[in-house]
ModelCIF file with pLDDT and N, C-alpha, C, O atoms, coordinates in Angstrom:
data_MODEL
#
_entry.id   MODEL 
#
_entity.id                         1 
_entity.type                       polymer 
_entity.pdbx_number_of_molecules   1 
#
_entity_poly.entity_id                      1 
_entity_poly.type                           'polypeptide(L)' 
_entity_poly.nstd_linkage                   no 
_entity_poly.nstd_monomer                   no 
_entity_poly.pdbx_seq_one_letter_code       LKISLFWSYLSVAVGMAFLFCRALYTFLCLAASRPENLRSIEQMFS 
_entity_poly.pdbx_seq_one_letter_code_can   LKISLFWSYLSVAVGMAFLFCRALYTFLCLAASRPENLRSIEQMFS 
_entity_poly.pdbx_strand_id                 A 
#
loop_
_entity_poly_seq.entity_id 
_entity_poly_seq.num 
_entity_poly_seq.mon_id 
_entity_poly_seq.hetero 
1 1  LEU n 
1 2  LYS n 
1 3  ILE n 
1 4  SER n 
1 5  LEU n 
1 6  PHE n 
1 7  TRP n 
1 8  SER n 
1 9  TYR n 
1 10 LEU n 
1 11 SER n 
1 12 VAL n 
1 13 ALA n 
1 14 VAL n 
1 15 GLY n 
1 16 MET n 
1 17 ALA n 
1 18 PHE n 
1 19 LEU n 
1 20 PHE n 
1 21 CYS n 
1 22 ARG n 
1 23 ALA n 
1 24 LEU n 
1 25 TYR n 
1 26 THR n 
1 27 PHE n 
1 28 LEU n 
1 29 CYS n 
1 30 LEU n 
1 31 ALA n 
1 32 ALA n 
1 33 SER n 
1 34 ARG n 
1 35 PRO n 
1 36 GLU n 
1 37 ASN n 
1 38 LEU n 
1 39 ARG n 
1 40 SER n 
1 41 ILE n 
1 42 GLU n 
1 43 GLN n 
1 44 MET n 
1 45 PHE n 
1 46 SER n 
#
_struct_asym.id          A 
_struct_asym.entity_id   1 
#
loop_
_ma_qa_metric.id 
_ma_qa_metric.mode 
_ma_qa_metric.name 
_ma_qa_metric.software_group_id 
_ma_qa_metric.type 
1 global pLDDT . pLDDT 
2 local  pLDDT . pLDDT 
#
_ma_qa_metric_global.metric_id      1 
_ma_qa_metric_global.metric_value   90.59 
_ma_qa_metric_global.model_id       1 
_ma_qa_metric_global.ordinal_id     1 
#
loop_
_ma_qa_metric_local.label_asym_id 
_ma_qa_metric_local.label_comp_id 
_ma_qa_metric_local.label_seq_id 
_ma_qa_metric_local.metric_id 
_ma_qa_metric_local.metric_value 
_ma_qa_metric_local.model_id 
_ma_qa_metric_local.ordinal_id 
A LEU 1  2 87.00 1 1  
A LYS 2  2 87.00 1 2  
A ILE 3  2 89.00 1 3  
A SER 4  2 90.00 1 4  
A LEU 5  2 89.00 1 5  
A PHE 6  2 92.00 1 6  
A TRP 7  2 92.00 1 7  
A SER 8  2 91.00 1 8  
A TYR 9  2 92.00 1 9  
A LEU 10 2 94.00 1 10 
A SER 11 2 94.00 1 11 
A VAL 12 2 95.00 1 12 
A ALA 13 2 95.00 1 13 
A VAL 14 2 95.00 1 14 
A GLY 15 2 95.00 1 15 
A MET 16 2 96.00 1 16 
A ALA 17 2 96.00 1 17 
A PHE 18 2 96.00 1 18 
A LEU 19 2 95.00 1 19 
A PHE 20 2 96.00 1 20 
A CYS 21 2 95.00 1 21 
A ARG 22 2 94.00 1 22 
A ALA 23 2 93.00 1 23 
A LEU 24 2 94.00 1 24 
A TYR 25 2 94.00 1 25 
A THR 26 2 91.00 1 26 
A PHE 27 2 92.00 1 27 
A LEU 28 2 92.00 1 28 
A CYS 29 2 91.00 1 29 
A LEU 30 2 89.00 1 30 
A ALA 31 2 90.00 1 31 
A ALA 32 2 90.00 1 32 
A SER 33 2 87.00 1 33 
A ARG 34 2 89.00 1 34 
A PRO 35 2 87.00 1 35 
A GLU 36 2 87.00 1 36 
A ASN 37 2 86.00 1 37 
A LEU 38 2 88.00 1 38 
A ARG 39 2 88.00 1 39 
A SER 40 2 85.00 1 40 
A ILE 41 2 85.00 1 41 
A GLU 42 2 87.00 1 42 
A GLN 43 2 87.00 1 43 
A MET 44 2 84.00 1 44 
A PHE 45 2 83.00 1 45 
A SER 46 2 83.00 1 46 
#
loop_
_atom_site.group_PDB 
_atom_site.id 
_atom_site.type_symbol 
_atom_site.label_atom_id 
_atom_site.label_alt_id 
_atom_site.label_comp_id 
_atom_site.label_asym_id 
_atom_site.label_entity_id 
_atom_site.label_seq_id 
_atom_site.pdbx_PDB_ins_code 
_atom_site.Cartn_x 
_atom_site.Cartn_y 
_atom_site.Cartn_z 
_atom_site.occupancy 
_atom_site.B_iso_or_equiv 
_atom_site.pdbx_formal_charge 
_atom_site.auth_seq_id 
_atom_site.auth_comp_id 
_atom_site.auth_asym_id 
_atom_site.auth_atom_id 
_atom_site.pdbx_PDB_model_num 
ATOM 1   N N  . LEU A 1 1  ? 18.286  11.759  -27.048 1.00 87.00 ? 1  LEU A N  1 
ATOM 2   C CA . LEU A 1 1  ? 17.308  10.924  -27.758 1.00 87.00 ? 1  LEU A CA 1 
ATOM 3   C C  . LEU A 1 1  ? 16.912  11.493  -29.113 1.00 87.00 ? 1  LEU A C  1 
ATOM 4   O O  . LEU A 1 1  ? 16.503  10.752  -30.007 1.00 87.00 ? 1  LEU A O  1 
ATOM 5   N N  . LYS A 1 2  ? 17.032  12.789  -29.264 1.00 87.00 ? 2  LYS A N  1 
ATOM 6   C CA . LYS A 1 2  ? 16.658  13.474  -30.504 1.00 87.00 ? 2  LYS A CA 1 
ATOM 7   C C  . LYS A 1 2  ? 15.170  13.335  -30.819 1.00 87.00 ? 2  LYS A C  1 
ATOM 8   O O  . LYS A 1 2  ? 14.762  13.367  -31.980 1.00 87.00 ? 2  LYS A O  1 
ATOM 9   N N  . ILE A 1 3  ? 14.365  13.181  -29.760 1.00 89.00 ? 3  ILE A N  1 
ATOM 10  C CA . ILE A 1 3  ? 12.911  13.167  -29.953 1.00 89.00 ? 3  ILE A CA 1 
ATOM 11  C C  . ILE A 1 3  ? 12.319  14.368  -29.221 1.00 89.00 ? 3  ILE A C  1 
ATOM 12  O O  . ILE A 1 3  ? 12.957  14.956  -28.348 1.00 89.00 ? 3  ILE A O  1 
ATOM 13  N N  . SER A 1 4  ? 11.127  14.711  -29.579 1.00 90.00 ? 4  SER A N  1 
ATOM 14  C CA . SER A 1 4  ? 10.454  15.880  -29.034 1.00 90.00 ? 4  SER A CA 1 
ATOM 15  C C  . SER A 1 4  ? 10.048  15.677  -27.575 1.00 90.00 ? 4  SER A C  1 
ATOM 16  O O  . SER A 1 4  ? 9.710   14.568  -27.160 1.00 90.00 ? 4  SER A O  1 
ATOM 17  N N  . LEU A 1 5  ? 10.085  16.762  -26.807 1.00 89.00 ? 5  LEU A N  1 
ATOM 18  C CA . LEU A 1 5  ? 9.567   16.729  -25.435 1.00 89.00 ? 5  LEU A CA 1 
ATOM 19  C C  . LEU A 1 5  ? 8.055   16.516  -25.414 1.00 89.00 ? 5  LEU A C  1 
ATOM 20  O O  . LEU A 1 5  ? 7.466   16.252  -24.366 1.00 89.00 ? 5  LEU A O  1 
ATOM 21  N N  . PHE A 1 6  ? 7.451   16.631  -26.564 1.00 92.00 ? 6  PHE A N  1 
ATOM 22  C CA . PHE A 1 6  ? 6.022   16.370  -26.725 1.00 92.00 ? 6  PHE A CA 1 
ATOM 23  C C  . PHE A 1 6  ? 5.637   15.033  -26.094 1.00 92.00 ? 6  PHE A C  1 
ATOM 24  O O  . PHE A 1 6  ? 4.571   14.926  -25.488 1.00 92.00 ? 6  PHE A O  1 
ATOM 25  N N  . TRP A 1 7  ? 6.486   14.016  -26.227 1.00 92.00 ? 7  TRP A N  1 
ATOM 26  C CA . TRP A 1 7  ? 6.169   12.674  -25.722 1.00 92.00 ? 7  TRP A CA 1 
ATOM 27  C C  . TRP A 1 7  ? 6.118   12.636  -24.210 1.00 92.00 ? 7  TRP A C  1 
ATOM 28  O O  . TRP A 1 7  ? 5.339   11.869  -23.645 1.00 92.00 ? 7  TRP A O  1 
ATOM 29  N N  . SER A 1 8  ? 6.922   13.438  -23.542 1.00 91.00 ? 8  SER A N  1 
ATOM 30  C CA . SER A 1 8  ? 6.840   13.517  -22.077 1.00 91.00 ? 8  SER A CA 1 
ATOM 31  C C  . SER A 1 8  ? 5.548   14.198  -21.654 1.00 91.00 ? 8  SER A C  1 
ATOM 32  O O  . SER A 1 8  ? 4.853   13.725  -20.754 1.00 91.00 ? 8  SER A O  1 
ATOM 33  N N  . TYR A 1 9  ? 5.232   15.305  -22.303 1.00 92.00 ? 9  TYR A N  1 
ATOM 34  C CA . TYR A 1 9  ? 4.018   16.031  -21.950 1.00 92.00 ? 9  TYR A CA 1 
ATOM 35  C C  . TYR A 1 9  ? 2.765   15.251  -22.331 1.00 92.00 ? 9  TYR A C  1 
ATOM 36  O O  . TYR A 1 9  ? 1.735   15.367  -21.666 1.00 92.00 ? 9  TYR A O  1 
ATOM 37  N N  . LEU A 1 10 ? 2.843   14.476  -23.374 1.00 94.00 ? 10 LEU A N  1 
ATOM 38  C CA . LEU A 1 10 ? 1.706   13.648  -23.761 1.00 94.00 ? 10 LEU A CA 1 
ATOM 39  C C  . LEU A 1 10 ? 1.365   12.641  -22.662 1.00 94.00 ? 10 LEU A C  1 
ATOM 40  O O  . LEU A 1 10 ? 0.201   12.279  -22.491 1.00 94.00 ? 10 LEU A O  1 
ATOM 41  N N  . SER A 1 11 ? 2.361   12.197  -21.930 1.00 94.00 ? 11 SER A N  1 
ATOM 42  C CA . SER A 1 11 ? 2.110   11.246  -20.844 1.00 94.00 ? 11 SER A CA 1 
ATOM 43  C C  . SER A 1 11 ? 1.181   11.834  -19.793 1.00 94.00 ? 11 SER A C  1 
ATOM 44  O O  . SER A 1 11 ? 0.359   11.118  -19.221 1.00 94.00 ? 11 SER A O  1 
ATOM 45  N N  . VAL A 1 12 ? 1.303   13.125  -19.535 1.00 95.00 ? 12 VAL A N  1 
ATOM 46  C CA . VAL A 1 12 ? 0.409   13.777  -18.565 1.00 95.00 ? 12 VAL A CA 1 
ATOM 47  C C  . VAL A 1 12 ? -1.020  13.768  -19.105 1.00 95.00 ? 12 VAL A C  1 
ATOM 48  O O  . VAL A 1 12 ? -1.958  13.430  -18.381 1.00 95.00 ? 12 VAL A O  1 
ATOM 49  N N  . ALA A 1 13 ? -1.184  14.135  -20.361 1.00 95.00 ? 13 ALA A N  1 
ATOM 50  C CA . ALA A 1 13 ? -2.526  14.172  -20.949 1.00 95.00 ? 13 ALA A CA 1 
ATOM 51  C C  . ALA A 1 13 ? -3.160  12.777  -20.964 1.00 95.00 ? 13 ALA A C  1 
ATOM 52  O O  . ALA A 1 13 ? -4.322  12.619  -20.590 1.00 95.00 ? 13 ALA A O  1 
ATOM 53  N N  . VAL A 1 14 ? -2.409  11.782  -21.389 1.00 95.00 ? 14 VAL A N  1 
ATOM 54  C CA . VAL A 1 14 ? -2.946  10.416  -21.461 1.00 95.00 ? 14 VAL A CA 1 
ATOM 55  C C  . VAL A 1 14 ? -3.217  9.867   -20.061 1.00 95.00 ? 14 VAL A C  1 
ATOM 56  O O  . VAL A 1 14 ? -4.283  9.307   -19.803 1.00 95.00 ? 14 VAL A O  1 
ATOM 57  N N  . GLY A 1 15 ? -2.259  10.029  -19.170 1.00 95.00 ? 15 GLY A N  1 
ATOM 58  C CA . GLY A 1 15 ? -2.428  9.531   -17.802 1.00 95.00 ? 15 GLY A CA 1 
ATOM 59  C C  . GLY A 1 15 ? -3.625  10.160  -17.111 1.00 95.00 ? 15 GLY A C  1 
ATOM 60  O O  . GLY A 1 15 ? -4.396  9.471   -16.443 1.00 95.00 ? 15 GLY A O  1 
ATOM 61  N N  . MET A 1 16 ? -3.779  11.471  -17.271 1.00 96.00 ? 16 MET A N  1 
ATOM 62  C CA . MET A 1 16 ? -4.904  12.155  -16.635 1.00 96.00 ? 16 MET A CA 1 
ATOM 63  C C  . MET A 1 16 ? -6.230  11.830  -17.323 1.00 96.00 ? 16 MET A C  1 
ATOM 64  O O  . MET A 1 16 ? -7.269  11.809  -16.664 1.00 96.00 ? 16 MET A O  1 
ATOM 65  N N  . ALA A 1 17 ? -6.217  11.581  -18.614 1.00 96.00 ? 17 ALA A N  1 
ATOM 66  C CA . ALA A 1 17 ? -7.442  11.166  -19.305 1.00 96.00 ? 17 ALA A CA 1 
ATOM 67  C C  . ALA A 1 17 ? -7.892  9.801   -18.795 1.00 96.00 ? 17 ALA A C  1 
ATOM 68  O O  . ALA A 1 17 ? -9.080  9.592   -18.550 1.00 96.00 ? 17 ALA A O  1 
ATOM 69  N N  . PHE A 1 18 ? -6.955  8.875   -18.633 1.00 96.00 ? 18 PHE A N  1 
ATOM 70  C CA . PHE A 1 18 ? -7.289  7.559   -18.070 1.00 96.00 ? 18 PHE A CA 1 
ATOM 71  C C  . PHE A 1 18 ? -7.810  7.706   -16.645 1.00 96.00 ? 18 PHE A C  1 
ATOM 72  O O  . PHE A 1 18 ? -8.809  7.090   -16.275 1.00 96.00 ? 18 PHE A O  1 
ATOM 73  N N  . LEU A 1 19 ? -7.127  8.524   -15.849 1.00 95.00 ? 19 LEU A N  1 
ATOM 74  C CA . LEU A 1 19 ? -7.545  8.734   -14.463 1.00 95.00 ? 19 LEU A CA 1 
ATOM 75  C C  . LEU A 1 19 ? -8.941  9.360   -14.416 1.00 95.00 ? 19 LEU A C  1 
ATOM 76  O O  . LEU A 1 19 ? -9.771  8.972   -13.593 1.00 95.00 ? 19 LEU A O  1 
ATOM 77  N N  . PHE A 1 20 ? -9.196  10.323  -15.297 1.00 96.00 ? 20 PHE A N  1 
ATOM 78  C CA . PHE A 1 20 ? -10.507 10.956  -15.372 1.00 96.00 ? 20 PHE A CA 1 
ATOM 79  C C  . PHE A 1 20 ? -11.590 9.931   -15.691 1.00 96.00 ? 20 PHE A C  1 
ATOM 80  O O  . PHE A 1 20 ? -12.630 9.901   -15.033 1.00 96.00 ? 20 PHE A O  1 
ATOM 81  N N  . CYS A 1 21 ? -11.354 9.097   -16.690 1.00 95.00 ? 21 CYS A N  1 
ATOM 82  C CA . CYS A 1 21 ? -12.349 8.082   -17.085 1.00 95.00 ? 21 CYS A CA 1 
ATOM 83  C C  . CYS A 1 21 ? -12.634 7.115   -15.946 1.00 95.00 ? 21 CYS A C  1 
ATOM 84  O O  . CYS A 1 21 ? -13.784 6.757   -15.691 1.00 95.00 ? 21 CYS A O  1 
ATOM 85  N N  . ARG A 1 22 ? -11.572 6.698   -15.265 1.00 94.00 ? 22 ARG A N  1 
ATOM 86  C CA . ARG A 1 22 ? -11.754 5.734   -14.165 1.00 94.00 ? 22 ARG A CA 1 
ATOM 87  C C  . ARG A 1 22 ? -12.504 6.376   -13.005 1.00 94.00 ? 22 ARG A C  1 
ATOM 88  O O  . ARG A 1 22 ? -13.376 5.744   -12.409 1.00 94.00 ? 22 ARG A O  1 
ATOM 89  N N  . ALA A 1 23 ? -12.176 7.626   -12.674 1.00 93.00 ? 23 ALA A N  1 
ATOM 90  C CA . ALA A 1 23 ? -12.865 8.328   -11.589 1.00 93.00 ? 23 ALA A CA 1 
ATOM 91  C C  . ALA A 1 23 ? -14.308 8.651   -11.967 1.00 93.00 ? 23 ALA A C  1 
ATOM 92  O O  . ALA A 1 23 ? -15.197 8.616   -11.116 1.00 93.00 ? 23 ALA A O  1 
ATOM 93  N N  . LEU A 1 24 ? -14.541 8.964   -13.232 1.00 94.00 ? 24 LEU A N  1 
ATOM 94  C CA . LEU A 1 24 ? -15.904 9.232   -13.699 1.00 94.00 ? 24 LEU A CA 1 
ATOM 95  C C  . LEU A 1 24 ? -16.772 7.988   -13.548 1.00 94.00 ? 24 LEU A C  1 
ATOM 96  O O  . LEU A 1 24 ? -17.925 8.077   -13.126 1.00 94.00 ? 24 LEU A O  1 
ATOM 97  N N  . TYR A 1 25 ? -16.222 6.843   -13.889 1.00 94.00 ? 25 TYR A N  1 
ATOM 98  C CA . TYR A 1 25 ? -16.950 5.582   -13.724 1.00 94.00 ? 25 TYR A CA 1 
ATOM 99  C C  . TYR A 1 25 ? -17.325 5.376   -12.250 1.00 94.00 ? 25 TYR A C  1 
ATOM 100 O O  . TYR A 1 25 ? -18.461 5.022   -11.934 1.00 94.00 ? 25 TYR A O  1 
ATOM 101 N N  . THR A 1 26 ? -16.365 5.599   -11.362 1.00 91.00 ? 26 THR A N  1 
ATOM 102 C CA . THR A 1 26 ? -16.632 5.456   -9.923  1.00 91.00 ? 26 THR A CA 1 
ATOM 103 C C  . THR A 1 26 ? -17.720 6.421   -9.486  1.00 91.00 ? 26 THR A C  1 
ATOM 104 O O  . THR A 1 26 ? -18.635 6.041   -8.755  1.00 91.00 ? 26 THR A O  1 
ATOM 105 N N  . PHE A 1 27 ? -17.625 7.670   -9.929  1.00 92.00 ? 27 PHE A N  1 
ATOM 106 C CA . PHE A 1 27 ? -18.631 8.669   -9.562  1.00 92.00 ? 27 PHE A CA 1 
ATOM 107 C C  . PHE A 1 27 ? -20.016 8.276   -10.069 1.00 92.00 ? 27 PHE A C  1 
ATOM 108 O O  . PHE A 1 27 ? -20.998 8.390   -9.336  1.00 92.00 ? 27 PHE A O  1 
ATOM 109 N N  . LEU A 1 28 ? -20.104 7.816   -11.312 1.00 92.00 ? 28 LEU A N  1 
ATOM 110 C CA . LEU A 1 28 ? -21.399 7.417   -11.867 1.00 92.00 ? 28 LEU A CA 1 
ATOM 111 C C  . LEU A 1 28 ? -21.994 6.240   -11.096 1.00 92.00 ? 28 LEU A C  1 
ATOM 112 O O  . LEU A 1 28 ? -23.200 6.193   -10.854 1.00 92.00 ? 28 LEU A O  1 
ATOM 113 N N  . CYS A 1 29 ? -21.153 5.307   -10.719 1.00 91.00 ? 29 CYS A N  1 
ATOM 114 C CA . CYS A 1 29 ? -21.638 4.168   -9.918  1.00 91.00 ? 29 CYS A CA 1 
ATOM 115 C C  . CYS A 1 29 ? -22.132 4.634   -8.553  1.00 91.00 ? 29 CYS A C  1 
ATOM 116 O O  . CYS A 1 29 ? -23.160 4.162   -8.069  1.00 91.00 ? 29 CYS A O  1 
ATOM 117 N N  . LEU A 1 30 ? -21.400 5.562   -7.932  1.00 89.00 ? 30 LEU A N  1 
ATOM 118 C CA . LEU A 1 30 ? -21.837 6.106   -6.639  1.00 89.00 ? 30 LEU A CA 1 
ATOM 119 C C  . LEU A 1 30 ? -23.152 6.860   -6.786  1.00 89.00 ? 30 LEU A C  1 
ATOM 120 O O  . LEU A 1 30 ? -24.045 6.725   -5.950  1.00 89.00 ? 30 LEU A O  1 
ATOM 121 N N  . ALA A 1 31 ? -23.272 7.657   -7.851  1.00 90.00 ? 31 ALA A N  1 
ATOM 122 C CA . ALA A 1 31 ? -24.492 8.439   -8.073  1.00 90.00 ? 31 ALA A CA 1 
ATOM 123 C C  . ALA A 1 31 ? -25.693 7.541   -8.336  1.00 90.00 ? 31 ALA A C  1 
ATOM 124 O O  . ALA A 1 31 ? -26.815 7.881   -7.961  1.00 90.00 ? 31 ALA A O  1 
ATOM 125 N N  . ALA A 1 32 ? -25.468 6.404   -8.976  1.00 90.00 ? 32 ALA A N  1 
ATOM 126 C CA . ALA A 1 32 ? -26.560 5.472   -9.282  1.00 90.00 ? 32 ALA A CA 1 
ATOM 127 C C  . ALA A 1 32 ? -26.749 4.430   -8.181  1.00 90.00 ? 32 ALA A C  1 
ATOM 128 O O  . ALA A 1 32 ? -27.572 3.526   -8.319  1.00 90.00 ? 32 ALA A O  1 
ATOM 129 N N  . SER A 1 33 ? -25.996 4.550   -7.095  1.00 87.00 ? 33 SER A N  1 
ATOM 130 C CA . SER A 1 33 ? -26.033 3.568   -5.992  1.00 87.00 ? 33 SER A CA 1 
ATOM 131 C C  . SER A 1 33 ? -25.852 2.157   -6.523  1.00 87.00 ? 33 SER A C  1 
ATOM 132 O O  . SER A 1 33 ? -26.572 1.232   -6.146  1.00 87.00 ? 33 SER A O  1 
ATOM 133 N N  . ARG A 1 34 ? -24.889 2.017   -7.394  1.00 89.00 ? 34 ARG A N  1 
ATOM 134 C CA . ARG A 1 34 ? -24.611 0.741   -8.053  1.00 89.00 ? 34 ARG A CA 1 
ATOM 135 C C  . ARG A 1 34 ? -23.168 0.337   -7.746  1.00 89.00 ? 34 ARG A C  1 
ATOM 136 O O  . ARG A 1 34 ? -22.267 1.171   -7.834  1.00 89.00 ? 34 ARG A O  1 
ATOM 137 N N  . PRO A 1 35 ? -22.937 -0.911  -7.392  1.00 87.00 ? 35 PRO A N  1 
ATOM 138 C CA . PRO A 1 35 ? -21.543 -1.328  -7.179  1.00 87.00 ? 35 PRO A CA 1 
ATOM 139 C C  . PRO A 1 35 ? -20.773 -1.370  -8.498  1.00 87.00 ? 35 PRO A C  1 
ATOM 140 O O  . PRO A 1 35 ? -21.340 -1.630  -9.559  1.00 87.00 ? 35 PRO A O  1 
ATOM 141 N N  . GLU A 1 36 ? -19.485 -1.110  -8.408  1.00 87.00 ? 36 GLU A N  1 
ATOM 142 C CA . GLU A 1 36 ? -18.650 -1.182  -9.606  1.00 87.00 ? 36 GLU A CA 1 
ATOM 143 C C  . GLU A 1 36 ? -18.543 -2.636  -10.047 1.00 87.00 ? 36 GLU A C  1 
ATOM 144 O O  . GLU A 1 36 ? -18.300 -3.527  -9.234  1.00 87.00 ? 36 GLU A O  1 
ATOM 145 N N  . ASN A 1 37 ? -18.725 -2.859  -11.329 1.00 86.00 ? 37 ASN A N  1 
ATOM 146 C CA . ASN A 1 37 ? -18.672 -4.209  -11.882 1.00 86.00 ? 37 ASN A CA 1 
ATOM 147 C C  . ASN A 1 37 ? -17.435 -4.330  -12.779 1.00 86.00 ? 37 ASN A C  1 
ATOM 148 O O  . ASN A 1 37 ? -17.538 -4.515  -13.992 1.00 86.00 ? 37 ASN A O  1 
ATOM 149 N N  . LEU A 1 38 ? -16.286 -4.222  -12.156 1.00 88.00 ? 38 LEU A N  1 
ATOM 150 C CA . LEU A 1 38 ? -15.036 -4.285  -12.903 1.00 88.00 ? 38 LEU A CA 1 
ATOM 151 C C  . LEU A 1 38 ? -14.193 -5.447  -12.407 1.00 88.00 ? 38 LEU A C  1 
ATOM 152 O O  . LEU A 1 38 ? -14.271 -5.865  -11.252 1.00 88.00 ? 38 LEU A O  1 
ATOM 153 N N  . ARG A 1 39 ? -13.386 -5.949  -13.329 1.00 88.00 ? 39 ARG A N  1 
ATOM 154 C CA . ARG A 1 39 ? -12.466 -7.022  -12.963 1.00 88.00 ? 39 ARG A CA 1 
ATOM 155 C C  . ARG A 1 39 ? -11.231 -6.436  -12.301 1.00 88.00 ? 39 ARG A C  1 
ATOM 156 O O  . ARG A 1 39 ? -10.802 -5.329  -12.628 1.00 88.00 ? 39 ARG A O  1 
ATOM 157 N N  . SER A 1 40 ? -10.670 -7.181  -11.377 1.00 85.00 ? 40 SER A N  1 
ATOM 158 C CA . SER A 1 40 ? -9.396  -6.769  -10.800 1.00 85.00 ? 40 SER A CA 1 
ATOM 159 C C  . SER A 1 40 ? -8.308  -7.029  -11.838 1.00 85.00 ? 40 SER A C  1 
ATOM 160 O O  . SER A 1 40 ? -8.537  -7.707  -12.840 1.00 85.00 ? 40 SER A O  1 
ATOM 161 N N  . ILE A 1 41 ? -7.165  -6.501  -11.592 1.00 85.00 ? 41 ILE A N  1 
ATOM 162 C CA . ILE A 1 41 ? -6.062  -6.687  -12.539 1.00 85.00 ? 41 ILE A CA 1 
ATOM 163 C C  . ILE A 1 41 ? -5.690  -8.161  -12.639 1.00 85.00 ? 41 ILE A C  1 
ATOM 164 O O  . ILE A 1 41 ? -5.389  -8.659  -13.723 1.00 85.00 ? 41 ILE A O  1 
ATOM 165 N N  . GLU A 1 42 ? -5.713  -8.846  -11.520 1.00 87.00 ? 42 GLU A N  1 
ATOM 166 C CA . GLU A 1 42 ? -5.417  -10.286 -11.547 1.00 87.00 ? 42 GLU A CA 1 
ATOM 167 C C  . GLU A 1 42 ? -6.422  -11.029 -12.414 1.00 87.00 ? 42 GLU A C  1 
ATOM 168 O O  . GLU A 1 42 ? -6.045  -11.918 -13.177 1.00 87.00 ? 42 GLU A O  1 
ATOM 169 N N  . GLN A 1 43 ? -7.694  -10.675 -12.304 1.00 87.00 ? 43 GLN A N  1 
ATOM 170 C CA . GLN A 1 43 ? -8.727  -11.318 -13.107 1.00 87.00 ? 43 GLN A CA 1 
ATOM 171 C C  . GLN A 1 43 ? -8.561  -11.009 -14.591 1.00 87.00 ? 43 GLN A C  1 
ATOM 172 O O  . GLN A 1 43 ? -8.784  -11.876 -15.435 1.00 87.00 ? 43 GLN A O  1 
ATOM 173 N N  . MET A 1 44 ? -8.169  -9.776  -14.911 1.00 84.00 ? 44 MET A N  1 
ATOM 174 C CA . MET A 1 44 ? -7.986  -9.402  -16.321 1.00 84.00 ? 44 MET A CA 1 
ATOM 175 C C  . MET A 1 44 ? -6.948  -10.279 -16.993 1.00 84.00 ? 44 MET A C  1 
ATOM 176 O O  . MET A 1 44 ? -7.154  -10.768 -18.103 1.00 84.00 ? 44 MET A O  1 
ATOM 177 N N  . PHE A 1 45 ? -5.832  -10.471 -16.312 1.00 83.00 ? 45 PHE A N  1 
ATOM 178 C CA . PHE A 1 45 ? -4.740  -11.188 -16.940 1.00 83.00 ? 45 PHE A CA 1 
ATOM 179 C C  . PHE A 1 45 ? -4.855  -12.694 -16.776 1.00 83.00 ? 45 PHE A C  1 
ATOM 180 O O  . PHE A 1 45 ? -4.337  -13.437 -17.609 1.00 83.00 ? 45 PHE A O  1 
ATOM 181 N N  . SER A 1 46 ? -5.515  -13.166 -15.731 1.00 83.00 ? 46 SER A N  1 
ATOM 182 C CA . SER A 1 46 ? -5.683  -14.611 -15.617 1.00 83.00 ? 46 SER A CA 1 
ATOM 183 C C  . SER A 1 46 ? -6.706  -15.112 -16.634 1.00 83.00 ? 46 SER A C  1 
ATOM 184 O O  . SER A 1 46 ? -6.985  -16.309 -16.692 1.00 83.00 ? 46 SER A O  1 
#
């Protein structure tokens, strides 16, 4: 490909950052005894 391995390793950083944000949201909702108010994937695209 002649591209840097940086792009493969970046996937770990981006994927884990997204996972962290999503888990943090869940944790904050649990800590506040609040249900998650998120759309399902089907709802997002429909």
